[in-house]
Each structure stands twice: as C-alpha cells, then as structure tokens.
C-alpha cells in the first residue's frame, strides 16, 4: 500500500489543522492506520491509530486530536485542535495489517510538516 499525507502547514497556537492520508489499494478497510510524529531532535513517536471501531491515542494528545477514517475514500484523517508549539513536528501516516496498534508499522507515508508558532 502507498500512503500520501497532506494538510500540514504553519499555524498559530490555538489553531486547528486536519491532516489527511490517502492510501492506495482495494483493502484499505482491513488496515490499521496510524499517525506518528517526529519533532526536531526527537525520535518518532506514536500519536493515534484506528482499526475498525478501535481507536488509540497517545496520552499527550487525548482530548486534543481526533483520528477518523473514510473507507470509501481510502483516507484517514487527524483532526488537531488547540495546537501548541510542542505539537510542531513532521507527521507521518502509517499502515499495518497485524499486531499492536502503537508500533511496528509496515507502510509509511512521506510525512507532512506541522509548525505551530507561539
């Protein structure tokens, strides 16, 4: 599966952004889809994942970010509200078929930059 992330940009603290990740393939609904982020000088870390009706969030984004998917459009979204400067990172979407939702993804998109100014 190929993944194409989009929707990043430069925003001010308190603003919202919605990231999108379009996937190729005819079996999109069977994949666990995840979002990860990598801030400058830090390792890439889990943000959120969705598999059928199961949704998972990192503690740091609970109540602030919302992951969703539209299987008819082969797209997963990450709605990010009340953005903070510490949310600045490159955001990656990822896909996998099996295993735990927070790690070991098989397919990765190219990343989209989110910059939050104070």
PDB file of N, CA and C in Angstrom:
ATOM      1  N   UNK A   1       0.840  -1.182   0.000  1.00  0.00           N
ATOM      2  CA  UNK A   1       0.000   0.000   0.000  1.00  0.00           C
ATOM      3  C   UNK A   1       0.884   1.243   0.000  1.00  0.00           C
ATOM      4  N   UNK A   2       0.464   2.259  -0.732  1.00  0.00           N
ATOM      5  CA  UNK A   2       1.180   3.530  -0.761  1.00  0.00           C
ATOM      6  C   UNK A   2       0.363   4.588  -0.042  1.00  0.00           C
ATOM      7  N   UNK A   3       1.061   5.440   0.700  1.00  0.00           N
ATOM      8  CA  UNK A   3       0.399   6.438   1.532  1.00  0.00           C
ATOM      9  C   UNK A   3       0.875   7.828   1.168  1.00  0.00           C
ATOM     10  N   UNK A   4      -0.042   8.766   1.113  1.00  0.00           N
ATOM     11  CA  UNK A   4       0.278  10.149   0.781  1.00  0.00           C
ATOM     12  C   UNK A   4      -0.365  11.059   1.811  1.00  0.00           C
ATOM     13  N   UNK A   5       0.468  11.652   2.663  1.00  0.00           N
ATOM     14  CA  UNK A   5      -0.033  12.548   3.705  1.00  0.00           C
ATOM     15  C   UNK A   5      -0.057  13.984   3.197  1.00  0.00           C
ATOM     16  N   UNK A   6      -1.013  14.739   3.703  1.00  0.00           N
ATOM     17  CA  UNK A   6      -1.136  16.148   3.338  1.00  0.00           C
ATOM     18  C   UNK A   6      -1.852  16.903   4.442  1.00  0.00           C
ATOM     19  N   UNK A   7      -1.845  18.229   4.324  1.00  0.00           N
ATOM     20  CA  UNK A   7      -2.597  19.048   5.251  1.00  0.00           C
ATOM     21  C   UNK A   7      -1.777  19.799   6.277  1.00  0.00           C
ATOM     22  N   UNK A   8      -0.478  19.566   6.296  1.00  0.00           N
ATOM     23  CA  UNK A   8       0.358  20.287   7.239  1.00  0.00           C
ATOM     24  C   UNK A   8       0.494  21.752   6.867  1.00  0.00           C
ATOM     25  N   UNK A   9       1.104  22.511   7.763  1.00  0.00           N
ATOM     26  CA  UNK A   9       1.303  23.919   7.484  1.00  0.00           C
ATOM     27  C   UNK A   9       1.797  24.663   8.693  1.00  0.00           C
ATOM     28  N   UNK A  10       1.850  25.976   8.562  1.00  0.00           N
ATOM     29  CA  UNK A  10       2.270  26.863   9.644  1.00  0.00           C
ATOM     30  C   UNK A  10       1.029  27.522  10.231  1.00  0.00           C
ATOM     31  N   UNK A  11       0.817  27.310  11.518  1.00  0.00           N
ATOM     32  CA  UNK A  11      -0.345  27.881  12.197  1.00  0.00           C
ATOM     33  C   UNK A  11       0.104  28.513  13.505  1.00  0.00           C
ATOM     34  N   UNK A  12      -0.819  29.241  14.110  1.00  0.00           N
ATOM     35  CA  UNK A  12      -0.553  29.856  15.404  1.00  0.00           C
ATOM     36  C   UNK A  12      -1.100  28.972  16.524  1.00  0.00           C
ATOM     37  N   UNK A  13      -0.546  29.128  17.684  1.00  0.00           N
ATOM     38  CA  UNK A  13      -1.024  28.381  18.845  1.00  0.00           C
ATOM     39  C   UNK A  13      -2.518  28.608  19.019  1.00  0.00           C
ATOM     40  N   UNK A  14      -3.242  27.520  19.282  1.00  0.00           N
ATOM     41  CA  UNK A  14      -4.684  27.590  19.433  1.00  0.00           C
ATOM     42  C   UNK A  14      -5.459  27.276  18.166  1.00  0.00           C
ATOM     43  N   UNK A  15      -4.783  27.292  17.034  1.00  0.00           N
ATOM     44  CA  UNK A  15      -5.431  26.976  15.767  1.00  0.00           C
ATOM     45  C   UNK A  15      -5.666  25.481  15.618  1.00  0.00           C
ATOM     46  N   UNK A  16      -6.379  25.134  14.558  1.00  0.00           N
ATOM     47  CA  UNK A  16      -6.652  23.734  14.232  1.00  0.00           C
ATOM     48  C   UNK A  16      -6.124  23.402  12.844  1.00  0.00           C
ATOM     49  N   UNK A  17      -5.825  22.142  12.646  1.00  0.00           N
ATOM     50  CA  UNK A  17      -5.443  21.618  11.347  1.00  0.00           C
ATOM     51  C   UNK A  17      -6.030  20.235  11.203  1.00  0.00           C
ATOM     52  N   UNK A  18      -6.316  19.854   9.978  1.00  0.00           N
ATOM     53  CA  UNK A  18      -6.724  18.481   9.707  1.00  0.00           C
ATOM     54  C   UNK A  18      -5.753  17.874   8.703  1.00  0.00           C
ATOM     55  N   UNK A  19      -5.093  16.844   9.122  1.00  0.00           N
ATOM     56  CA  UNK A  19      -4.214  16.102   8.230  1.00  0.00           C
ATOM     57  C   UNK A  19      -5.001  14.992   7.549  1.00  0.00           C
ATOM     58  N   UNK A  20      -4.614  14.711   6.324  1.00  0.00           N
ATOM     59  CA  UNK A  20      -5.222  13.623   5.566  1.00  0.00           C
ATOM     60  C   UNK A  20      -4.131  12.682   5.088  1.00  0.00           C
ATOM     61  N   UNK A  21      -4.508  11.438   4.939  1.00  0.00           N
ATOM     62  CA  UNK A  21      -3.586  10.446   4.404  1.00  0.00           C
ATOM     63  C   UNK A  21      -4.373   9.556   3.448  1.00  0.00           C
ATOM     64  N   UNK A  22      -4.058   9.677   2.186  1.00  0.00           N
ATOM     65  CA  UNK A  22      -4.725   8.884   1.164  1.00  0.00           C
ATOM     66  C   UNK A  22      -3.915   7.618   0.884  1.00  0.00           C
ATOM     67  N   UNK A  23      -4.612   6.503   0.832  1.00  0.00           N
ATOM     68  CA  UNK A  23      -3.948   5.212   0.640  1.00  0.00           C
ATOM     69  C   UNK A  23      -4.379   4.574  -0.671  1.00  0.00           C
ATOM     70  N   UNK A  24      -3.458   3.862  -1.265  1.00  0.00           N
ATOM     71  CA  UNK A  24      -3.791   3.097  -2.460  1.00  0.00           C
ATOM     72  C   UNK A  24      -4.284   1.725  -2.040  1.00  0.00           C
ATOM     73  N   UNK A  25      -4.842   0.979  -2.972  1.00  0.00           N
ATOM     74  CA  UNK A  25      -5.221  -0.397  -2.682  1.00  0.00           C
ATOM     75  C   UNK A  25      -6.702  -0.577  -2.439  1.00  0.00           C
ATOM     76  N   UNK A  26      -7.144  -1.803  -2.606  1.00  0.00           N
ATOM     77  CA  UNK A  26      -8.567  -2.098  -2.507  1.00  0.00           C
ATOM     78  C   UNK A  26      -8.982  -2.661  -1.155  1.00  0.00           C
ATOM     79  N   UNK A  27      -8.028  -2.865  -0.265  1.00  0.00           N
ATOM     80  CA  UNK A  27      -8.351  -3.466   1.030  1.00  0.00           C
ATOM     81  C   UNK A  27      -8.061  -2.520   2.180  1.00  0.00           C
ATOM     82  N   UNK A  28      -8.249  -1.245   1.918  1.00  0.00           N
ATOM     83  CA  UNK A  28      -7.911  -0.212   2.906  1.00  0.00           C
ATOM     84  C   UNK A  28      -8.587  -0.465   4.237  1.00  0.00           C
ATOM     85  N   UNK A  29      -9.835  -0.899   4.221  1.00  0.00           N
ATOM     86  CA  UNK A  29     -10.601  -1.045   5.459  1.00  0.00           C
ATOM     87  C   UNK A  29      -9.997  -2.083   6.402  1.00  0.00           C
ATOM     88  N   UNK A  30      -9.204  -2.985   5.880  1.00  0.00           N
ATOM     89  CA  UNK A  30      -8.638  -4.033   6.725  1.00  0.00           C
ATOM     90  C   UNK A  30      -7.356  -3.603   7.432  1.00  0.00           C
ATOM     91  N   UNK A  31      -6.811  -2.453   7.055  1.00  0.00           N
ATOM     92  CA  UNK A  31      -5.557  -1.991   7.641  1.00  0.00           C
ATOM     93  C   UNK A  31      -5.793  -1.204   8.927  1.00  0.00           C
ATOM     94  N   UNK A  32      -4.923  -1.401   9.869  1.00  0.00           N
ATOM     95  CA  UNK A  32      -4.808  -0.473  10.978  1.00  0.00           C
ATOM     96  C   UNK A  32      -4.042   0.741  10.461  1.00  0.00           C
ATOM     97  N   UNK A  33      -4.590   1.919  10.667  1.00  0.00           N
ATOM     98  CA  UNK A  33      -3.968   3.148  10.200  1.00  0.00           C
ATOM     99  C   UNK A  33      -3.503   3.963  11.409  1.00  0.00           C
ATOM    100  N   UNK A  34      -2.302   4.463  11.310  1.00  0.00           N
ATOM    101  CA  UNK A  34      -1.753   5.212  12.434  1.00  0.00           C
ATOM    102  C   UNK A  34      -1.142   6.529  12.006  1.00  0.00           C
ATOM    103  N   UNK A  35      -1.021   7.417  12.976  1.00  0.00           N
ATOM    104  CA  UNK A  35      -0.291   8.668  12.813  1.00  0.00           C
ATOM    105  C   UNK A  35       0.842   8.694  13.837  1.00  0.00           C
ATOM    106  N   UNK A  36       1.979   9.136  13.364  1.00  0.00           N
ATOM    107  CA  UNK A  36       3.147   9.310  14.207  1.00  0.00           C
ATOM    108  C   UNK A  36       3.702  10.701  13.962  1.00  0.00           C
ATOM    109  N   UNK A  37       4.561  11.149  14.854  1.00  0.00           N
ATOM    110  CA  UNK A  37       5.197  12.454  14.637  1.00  0.00           C
ATOM    111  C   UNK A  37       6.624  12.434  15.140  1.00  0.00           C
ATOM    112  N   UNK A  38       7.438  13.269  14.507  1.00  0.00           N
ATOM    113  CA  UNK A  38       8.826  13.388  14.892  1.00  0.00           C
ATOM    114  C   UNK A  38       9.190  14.855  14.985  1.00  0.00           C
ATOM    115  N   UNK A  39       9.462  15.291  16.196  1.00  0.00           N
ATOM    116  CA  UNK A  39       9.886  16.663  16.429  1.00  0.00           C
ATOM    117  C   UNK A  39      11.400  16.759  16.238  1.00  0.00           C
ATOM    118  N   UNK A  40      11.905  17.961  15.981  1.00  0.00           N
ATOM    119  CA  UNK A  40      13.353  18.125  15.793  1.00  0.00           C
ATOM    120  C   UNK A  40      14.142  17.594  16.979  1.00  0.00           C
ATOM    121  N   UNK A  41      15.114  16.755  16.692  1.00  0.00           N
ATOM    122  CA  UNK A  41      15.972  16.213  17.740  1.00  0.00           C
ATOM    123  C   UNK A  41      15.358  15.102  18.561  1.00  0.00           C
ATOM    124  N   UNK A  42      14.166  14.654  18.182  1.00  0.00           N
ATOM    125  CA  UNK A  42      13.494  13.604  18.951  1.00  0.00           C
ATOM    126  C   UNK A  42      13.192  12.411  18.062  1.00  0.00           C
ATOM    127  N   UNK A  43      12.926  11.282  18.688  1.00  0.00           N
ATOM    128  CA  UNK A  43      12.540  10.097  17.946  1.00  0.00           C
ATOM    129  C   UNK A  43      11.080  10.198  17.504  1.00  0.00           C
ATOM    130  N   UNK A  44      10.796   9.477  16.469  1.00  0.00           N
ATOM    131  CA  UNK A  44       9.415   9.425  16.008  1.00  0.00           C
ATOM    132  C   UNK A  44       8.562   8.697  17.034  1.00  0.00           C
ATOM    133  N   UNK A  45       7.385   9.237  17.323  1.00  0.00           N
ATOM    134  CA  UNK A  45       6.539   8.661  18.352  1.00  0.00           C
ATOM    135  C   UNK A  45       5.095   8.501  17.904  1.00  0.00           C
ATOM    136  N   UNK A  46       4.410   7.580  18.540  1.00  0.00           N
ATOM    137  CA  UNK A  46       3.013   7.275  18.239  1.00  0.00           C
ATOM    138  C   UNK A  46       2.113   8.440  18.624  1.00  0.00           C
ATOM    139  N   UNK A  47       1.126   8.704  17.763  1.00  0.00           N
ATOM    140  CA  UNK A  47       0.138   9.743  18.048  1.00  0.00           C
ATOM    141  C   UNK A  47      -1.254   9.140  18.189  1.00  0.00           C
ATOM    142  N   UNK A  48      -1.686   8.406  17.164  1.00  0.00           N
ATOM    143  CA  UNK A  48      -3.040   7.853  17.178  1.00  0.00           C
ATOM    144  C   UNK A  48      -3.131   6.719  16.164  1.00  0.00           C
ATOM    145  N   UNK A  49      -4.118   5.847  16.371  1.00  0.00           N
ATOM    146  CA  UNK A  49      -4.354   4.750  15.437  1.00  0.00           C
ATOM    147  C   UNK A  49      -5.818   4.380  15.445  1.00  0.00           C
ATOM    148  N   UNK A  50      -6.245   3.778  14.340  1.00  0.00           N
ATOM    149  CA  UNK A  50      -7.632   3.356  14.221  1.00  0.00           C
ATOM    150  C   UNK A  50      -7.681   2.044  13.457  1.00  0.00           C
ATOM    151  N   UNK A  51      -8.451   1.112  14.011  1.00  0.00           N
ATOM    152  CA  UNK A  51      -8.645  -0.191  13.375  1.00  0.00           C
ATOM    153  C   UNK A  51     -10.093  -0.584  13.579  1.00  0.00           C
ATOM    154  N   UNK A  52     -10.848  -0.631  12.489  1.00  0.00           N
ATOM    155  CA  UNK A  52     -12.289  -0.826  12.582  1.00  0.00           C
ATOM    156  C   UNK A  52     -12.841   0.215  13.571  1.00  0.00           C
ATOM    157  N   UNK A  53     -13.444  -0.179  14.667  1.00  0.00           N
ATOM    158  CA  UNK A  53     -14.003   0.782  15.619  1.00  0.00           C
ATOM    159  C   UNK A  53     -13.099   1.032  16.822  1.00  0.00           C
ATOM    160  N   UNK A  54     -11.930   0.449  16.809  1.00  0.00           N
ATOM    161  CA  UNK A  54     -10.993   0.642  17.917  1.00  0.00           C
ATOM    162  C   UNK A  54     -10.098   1.836  17.619  1.00  0.00           C
ATOM    163  N   UNK A  55      -9.988   2.735  18.579  1.00  0.00           N
ATOM    164  CA  UNK A  55      -9.184   3.949  18.420  1.00  0.00           C
ATOM    165  C   UNK A  55      -8.226   4.057  19.596  1.00  0.00           C
ATOM    166  N   UNK A  56      -7.016   4.473  19.287  1.00  0.00           N
ATOM    167  CA  UNK A  56      -5.972   4.587  20.293  1.00  0.00           C
ATOM    168  C   UNK A  56      -5.299   5.960  20.167  1.00  0.00           C
ATOM    169  N   UNK A  57      -4.949   6.536  21.305  1.00  0.00           N
ATOM    170  CA  UNK A  57      -4.262   7.827  21.313  1.00  0.00           C
ATOM    171  C   UNK A  57      -3.077   7.779  22.275  1.00  0.00           C
ATOM    172  N   UNK A  58      -2.062   8.534  21.927  1.00  0.00           N
ATOM    173  CA  UNK A  58      -1.019   8.812  22.904  1.00  0.00           C
ATOM    174  C   UNK A  58      -1.613   9.700  23.987  1.00  0.00           C
ATOM    175  N   UNK A  59      -1.143   9.524  25.199  1.00  0.00           N
ATOM    176  CA  UNK A  59      -1.671  10.313  26.316  1.00  0.00           C
ATOM    177  C   UNK A  59      -1.535  11.812  26.055  1.00  0.00           C
ATOM    178  N   UNK A  60      -0.485  12.191  25.354  1.00  0.00           N
ATOM    179  CA  UNK A  60      -0.201  13.606  25.142  1.00  0.00           C
ATOM    180  C   UNK A  60      -1.195  14.297  24.226  1.00  0.00           C
ATOM    181  N   UNK A  61      -1.989  13.536  23.459  1.00  0.00           N
ATOM    182  CA  UNK A  61      -2.916  14.161  22.521  1.00  0.00           C
ATOM    183  C   UNK A  61      -4.383  13.822  22.806  1.00  0.00           C
ATOM    184  N   UNK A  62      -4.636  13.043  23.819  1.00  0.00           N
ATOM    185  CA  UNK A  62      -6.015  12.691  24.160  1.00  0.00           C
ATOM    186  C   UNK A  62      -6.822  13.937  24.442  1.00  0.00           C
ATOM    187  N   UNK A  63      -7.994  14.017  23.828  1.00  0.00           N
ATOM    188  CA  UNK A  63      -8.856  15.164  24.016  1.00  0.00           C
ATOM    189  C   UNK A  63      -8.515  16.346  23.128  1.00  0.00           C
ATOM    190  N   UNK A  64      -7.389  16.265  22.436  1.00  0.00           N
ATOM    191  CA  UNK A  64      -6.946  17.359  21.580  1.00  0.00           C
ATOM    192  C   UNK A  64      -6.992  16.947  20.102  1.00  0.00           C
ATOM    193  N   UNK A  65      -6.590  15.719  19.818  1.00  0.00           N
ATOM    194  CA  UNK A  65      -6.573  15.196  18.455  1.00  0.00           C
ATOM    195  C   UNK A  65      -7.666  14.143  18.301  1.00  0.00           C
ATOM    196  N   UNK A  66      -8.179  14.024  17.070  1.00  0.00           N
ATOM    197  CA  UNK A  66      -9.175  13.001  16.757  1.00  0.00           C
ATOM    198  C   UNK A  66      -8.793  12.319  15.451  1.00  0.00           C
ATOM    199  N   UNK A  67      -8.685  11.008  15.509  1.00  0.00           N
ATOM    200  CA  UNK A  67      -8.409  10.231  14.302  1.00  0.00           C
ATOM    201  C   UNK A  67      -9.719   9.664  13.771  1.00  0.00           C
ATOM    202  N   UNK A  68      -9.839   9.637  12.453  1.00  0.00           N
ATOM    203  CA  UNK A  68     -11.017   9.057  11.819  1.00  0.00           C
ATOM    204  C   UNK A  68     -10.611   8.528  10.449  1.00  0.00           C
ATOM    205  N   UNK A  69     -11.505   7.788   9.846  1.00  0.00           N
ATOM    206  CA  UNK A  69     -11.206   7.242   8.524  1.00  0.00           C
ATOM    207  C   UNK A  69     -12.473   7.193   7.694  1.00  0.00           C
ATOM    208  N   UNK A  70     -12.282   7.285   6.397  1.00  0.00           N
ATOM    209  CA  UNK A  70     -13.367   7.134   5.431  1.00  0.00           C
ATOM    210  C   UNK A  70     -12.927   6.025   4.484  1.00  0.00           C
ATOM    211  N   UNK A  71     -13.440   4.841   4.713  1.00  0.00           N
ATOM    212  CA  UNK A  71     -13.001   3.690   3.918  1.00  0.00           C
ATOM    213  C   UNK A  71     -13.416   3.820   2.452  1.00  0.00           C
ATOM    214  N   UNK A  72     -14.496   4.528   2.192  1.00  0.00           N
ATOM    215  CA  UNK A  72     -14.922   4.718   0.804  1.00  0.00           C
ATOM    216  C   UNK A  72     -13.930   5.584   0.037  1.00  0.00           C
ATOM    217  N   UNK A  73     -13.217   6.434   0.757  1.00  0.00           N
ATOM    218  CA  UNK A  73     -12.233   7.319   0.135  1.00  0.00           C
ATOM    219  C   UNK A  73     -10.800   6.862   0.364  1.00  0.00           C
ATOM    220  N   UNK A  74     -10.636   5.727   1.038  1.00  0.00           N
ATOM    221  CA  UNK A  74      -9.288   5.232   1.341  1.00  0.00           C
ATOM    222  C   UNK A  74      -8.448   6.297   2.031  1.00  0.00           C
ATOM    223  N   UNK A  75      -9.050   6.968   2.976  1.00  0.00           N
ATOM    224  CA  UNK A  75      -8.376   8.104   3.615  1.00  0.00           C
ATOM    225  C   UNK A  75      -8.544   8.045   5.130  1.00  0.00           C
ATOM    226  N   UNK A  76      -7.476   8.367   5.823  1.00  0.00           N
ATOM    227  CA  UNK A  76      -7.510   8.521   7.271  1.00  0.00           C
ATOM    228  C   UNK A  76      -7.182   9.976   7.588  1.00  0.00           C
ATOM    229  N   UNK A  77      -7.798  10.491   8.622  1.00  0.00           N
ATOM    230  CA  UNK A  77      -7.652  11.896   8.993  1.00  0.00           C
ATOM    231  C   UNK A  77      -7.123  12.022  10.410  1.00  0.00           C
ATOM    232  N   UNK A  78      -6.502  13.140  10.665  1.00  0.00           N
ATOM    233  CA  UNK A  78      -6.121  13.502  12.024  1.00  0.00           C
ATOM    234  C   UNK A  78      -6.534  14.954  12.237  1.00  0.00           C
ATOM    235  N   UNK A  79      -7.590  15.142  12.993  1.00  0.00           N
ATOM    236  CA  UNK A  79      -8.045  16.479  13.343  1.00  0.00           C
ATOM    237  C   UNK A  79      -7.284  16.933  14.579  1.00  0.00           C
ATOM    238  N   UNK A  80      -6.586  18.032  14.460  1.00  0.00           N
ATOM    239  CA  UNK A  80      -5.763  18.543  15.553  1.00  0.00           C
ATOM    240  C   UNK A  80      -6.291  19.893  15.979  1.00  0.00           C
ATOM    241  N   UNK A  81      -6.737  19.989  17.210  1.00  0.00           N
ATOM    242  CA  UNK A  81      -7.301  21.225  17.752  1.00  0.00           C
ATOM    243  C   UNK A  81      -6.401  21.799  18.836  1.00  0.00           C
ATOM    244  N   UNK A  82      -6.618  23.066  19.101  1.00  0.00           N
ATOM    245  CA  UNK A  82      -5.881  23.754  20.171  1.00  0.00           C
ATOM    246  C   UNK A  82      -4.387  23.468  20.086  1.00  0.00           C
ATOM    247  N   UNK A  83      -3.847  23.666  18.916  1.00  0.00           N
ATOM    248  CA  UNK A  83      -2.451  23.307  18.689  1.00  0.00           C
ATOM    249  C   UNK A  83      -1.514  24.144  19.551  1.00  0.00           C
ATOM    250  N   UNK A  84      -0.428  23.508  19.967  1.00  0.00           N
ATOM    251  CA  UNK A  84       0.571  24.132  20.823  1.00  0.00           C
ATOM    252  C   UNK A  84       1.928  24.083  20.115  1.00  0.00           C
ATOM    253  N   UNK A  85       2.835  24.946  20.488  1.00  0.00           N
ATOM    254  CA  UNK A  85       4.167  24.890  19.865  1.00  0.00           C
ATOM    255  C   UNK A  85       4.816  23.510  19.992  1.00  0.00           C
ATOM    256  N   UNK A  86       4.552  22.806  21.073  1.00  0.00           N
ATOM    257  CA  UNK A  86       5.141  21.480  21.248  1.00  0.00           C
ATOM    258  C   UNK A  86       4.545  20.425  20.320  1.00  0.00           C
ATOM    259  N   UNK A  87       3.493  20.772  19.592  1.00  0.00           N
ATOM    260  CA  UNK A  87       2.954  19.866  18.577  1.00  0.00           C
ATOM    261  C   UNK A  87       3.716  19.984  17.253  1.00  0.00           C
ATOM    262  N   UNK A  88       4.645  20.918  17.176  1.00  0.00           N
ATOM    263  CA  UNK A  88       5.447  21.077  15.975  1.00  0.00           C
ATOM    264  C   UNK A  88       6.253  19.822  15.697  1.00  0.00           C
ATOM    265  N   UNK A  89       6.079  19.274  14.501  1.00  0.00           N
ATOM    266  CA  UNK A  89       6.743  18.023  14.136  1.00  0.00           C
ATOM    267  C   UNK A  89       6.422  17.702  12.684  1.00  0.00           C
ATOM    268  N   UNK A  90       7.139  16.730  12.170  1.00  0.00           N
ATOM    269  CA  UNK A  90       6.728  16.106  10.918  1.00  0.00           C
ATOM    270  C   UNK A  90       5.781  14.968  11.281  1.00  0.00           C
ATOM    271  N   UNK A  91       4.626  14.969  10.673  1.00  0.00           N
ATOM    272  CA  UNK A  91       3.604  13.967  10.965  1.00  0.00           C
ATOM    273  C   UNK A  91       3.581  12.942   9.829  1.00  0.00           C
ATOM    274  N   UNK A  92       3.605  11.684  10.227  1.00  0.00           N
ATOM    275  CA  UNK A  92       3.611  10.576   9.283  1.00  0.00           C
ATOM    276  C   UNK A  92       2.371   9.713   9.468  1.00  0.00           C
ATOM    277  N   UNK A  93       1.804   9.274   8.365  1.00  0.00           N
ATOM    278  CA  UNK A  93       0.776   8.253   8.463  1.00  0.00           C
ATOM    279  C   UNK A  93       1.415   6.904   8.145  1.00  0.00           C
ATOM    280  N   UNK A  94       0.809   5.858   8.665  1.00  0.00           N
ATOM    281  CA  UNK A  94       1.362   4.525   8.518  1.00  0.00           C
ATOM    282  C   UNK A  94       0.232   3.503   8.484  1.00  0.00           C
ATOM    283  N   UNK A  95       0.559   2.332   7.966  1.00  0.00           N
ATOM    284  CA  UNK A  95      -0.441   1.273   7.838  1.00  0.00           C
ATOM    285  C   UNK A  95       0.161  -0.085   8.186  1.00  0.00           C
ATOM    286  N   UNK A  96      -0.689  -0.940   8.720  1.00  0.00           N
ATOM    287  CA  UNK A  96      -0.268  -2.307   9.008  1.00  0.00           C
ATOM    288  C   UNK A  96      -1.489  -3.208   8.998  1.00  0.00           C
ATOM    289  N   UNK A  97      -1.257  -4.504   8.859  1.00  0.00           N
ATOM    290  CA  UNK A  97      -2.368  -5.447   8.850  1.00  0.00           C
ATOM    291  C   UNK A  97      -2.518  -6.162  10.184  1.00  0.00           C
ATOM    292  N   UNK A  98      -1.399  -6.439  10.832  1.00  0.00           N
ATOM    293  CA  UNK A  98      -1.465  -7.272  12.038  1.00  0.00           C
ATOM    294  C   UNK A  98      -0.698  -6.635  13.182  1.00  0.00           C
ATOM    295  N   UNK A  99      -1.069  -6.988  14.370  1.00  0.00           N
ATOM    296  CA  UNK A  99      -0.282  -6.638  15.538  1.00  0.00           C
ATOM    297  C   UNK A  99      -0.781  -5.413  16.267  1.00  0.00           C
ATOM    298  N   UNK A 100      -0.040  -5.052  17.295  1.00  0.00           N
ATOM    299  CA  UNK A 100      -0.415  -3.941  18.167  1.00  0.00           C
ATOM    300  C   UNK A 100      -0.478  -2.643  17.385  1.00  0.00           C
ATOM    301  N   UNK A 101      -1.409  -1.791  17.792  1.00  0.00           N
ATOM    302  CA  UNK A 101      -1.685  -0.580  17.028  1.00  0.00           C
ATOM    303  C   UNK A 101      -0.654   0.519  17.226  1.00  0.00           C
ATOM    304  N   UNK A 102       0.156   0.431  18.271  1.00  0.00           N
ATOM    305  CA  UNK A 102       1.047   1.543  18.598  1.00  0.00           C
ATOM    306  C   UNK A 102       2.460   1.383  18.058  1.00  0.00           C
ATOM    307  N   UNK A 103       2.744   0.304  17.329  1.00  0.00           N
ATOM    308  CA  UNK A 103       4.133   0.086  16.923  1.00  0.00           C
ATOM    309  C   UNK A 103       4.220  -0.839  15.716  1.00  0.00           C
ATOM    310  N   UNK A 104       5.450  -0.909  15.151  1.00  0.00           N
ATOM    311  CA  UNK A 104       5.797  -1.874  14.106  1.00  0.00           C
ATOM    312  C   UNK A 104       4.889  -1.810  12.884  1.00  0.00           C
ATOM    313  N   UNK A 105       4.800  -0.610  12.311  1.00  0.00           N
ATOM    314  CA  UNK A 105       4.026  -0.450  11.099  1.00  0.00           C
ATOM    315  C   UNK A 105       4.849  -0.845   9.873  1.00  0.00           C
ATOM    316  N   UNK A 106       4.143  -1.313   8.850  1.00  0.00           N
ATOM    317  CA  UNK A 106       4.808  -1.844   7.658  1.00  0.00           C
ATOM    318  C   UNK A 106       4.952  -0.801   6.548  1.00  0.00           C
ATOM    319  N   UNK A 107       4.012   0.102   6.469  1.00  0.00           N
ATOM    320  CA  UNK A 107       3.992   1.052   5.365  1.00  0.00           C
ATOM    321  C   UNK A 107       3.928   2.470   5.928  1.00  0.00           C
ATOM    322  N   UNK A 108       4.688   3.373   5.275  1.00  0.00           N
ATOM    323  CA  UNK A 108       4.789   4.747   5.765  1.00  0.00           C
ATOM    324  C   UNK A 108       4.598   5.740   4.639  1.00  0.00           C
ATOM    325  N   UNK A 109       3.936   6.841   4.972  1.00  0.00           N
ATOM    326  CA  UNK A 109       3.857   7.952   4.053  1.00  0.00           C
ATOM    327  C   UNK A 109       5.089   8.825   4.171  1.00  0.00           C
ATOM    328  N   UNK A 110       5.115   9.892   3.397  1.00  0.00           N
ATOM    329  CA  UNK A 110       6.311  10.723   3.297  1.00  0.00           C
ATOM    330  C   UNK A 110       6.419  11.792   4.379  1.00  0.00           C
ATOM    331  N   UNK A 111       5.368  12.002   5.139  1.00  0.00           N
ATOM    332  CA  UNK A 111       5.416  12.999   6.196  1.00  0.00           C
ATOM    333  C   UNK A 111       4.924  14.359   5.732  1.00  0.00           C
ATOM    334  N   UNK A 112       4.298  15.071   6.644  1.00  0.00           N
ATOM    335  CA  UNK A 112       3.851  16.430   6.376  1.00  0.00           C
ATOM    336  C   UNK A 112       4.211  17.295   7.584  1.00  0.00           C
ATOM    337  N   UNK A 113       4.777  18.448   7.315  1.00  0.00           N
ATOM    338  CA  UNK A 113       5.295  19.308   8.384  1.00  0.00           C
ATOM    339  C   UNK A 113       4.173  20.126   9.011  1.00  0.00           C
ATOM    340  N   UNK A 114       4.116  20.095  10.318  1.00  0.00           N
ATOM    341  CA  UNK A 114       3.214  20.955  11.084  1.00  0.00           C
ATOM    342  C   UNK A 114       4.079  21.842  11.972  1.00  0.00           C
ATOM    343  N   UNK A 115       3.910  23.140  11.825  1.00  0.00           N
ATOM    344  CA  UNK A 115       4.652  24.098  12.632  1.00  0.00           C
ATOM    345  C   UNK A 115       3.666  25.004  13.345  1.00  0.00           C
ATOM    346  N   UNK A 116       3.779  25.055  14.659  1.00  0.00           N
ATOM    347  CA  UNK A 116       2.882  25.857  15.465  1.00  0.00           C
ATOM    348  C   UNK A 116       3.694  26.975  16.117  1.00  0.00           C
ATOM    349  N   UNK A 117       3.361  28.192  15.784  1.00  0.00           N
ATOM    350  CA  UNK A 117       4.077  29.332  16.349  1.00  0.00           C
ATOM    351  C   UNK A 117       3.362  29.838  17.594  1.00  0.00           C
ATOM    352  N   UNK A 118       4.141  30.380  18.509  1.00  0.00           N
ATOM    353  CA  UNK A 118       3.562  30.860  19.773  1.00  0.00           C
ATOM    354  C   UNK A 118       3.116  32.298  19.668  1.00  0.00           C
TER     355      UNK A 118
END
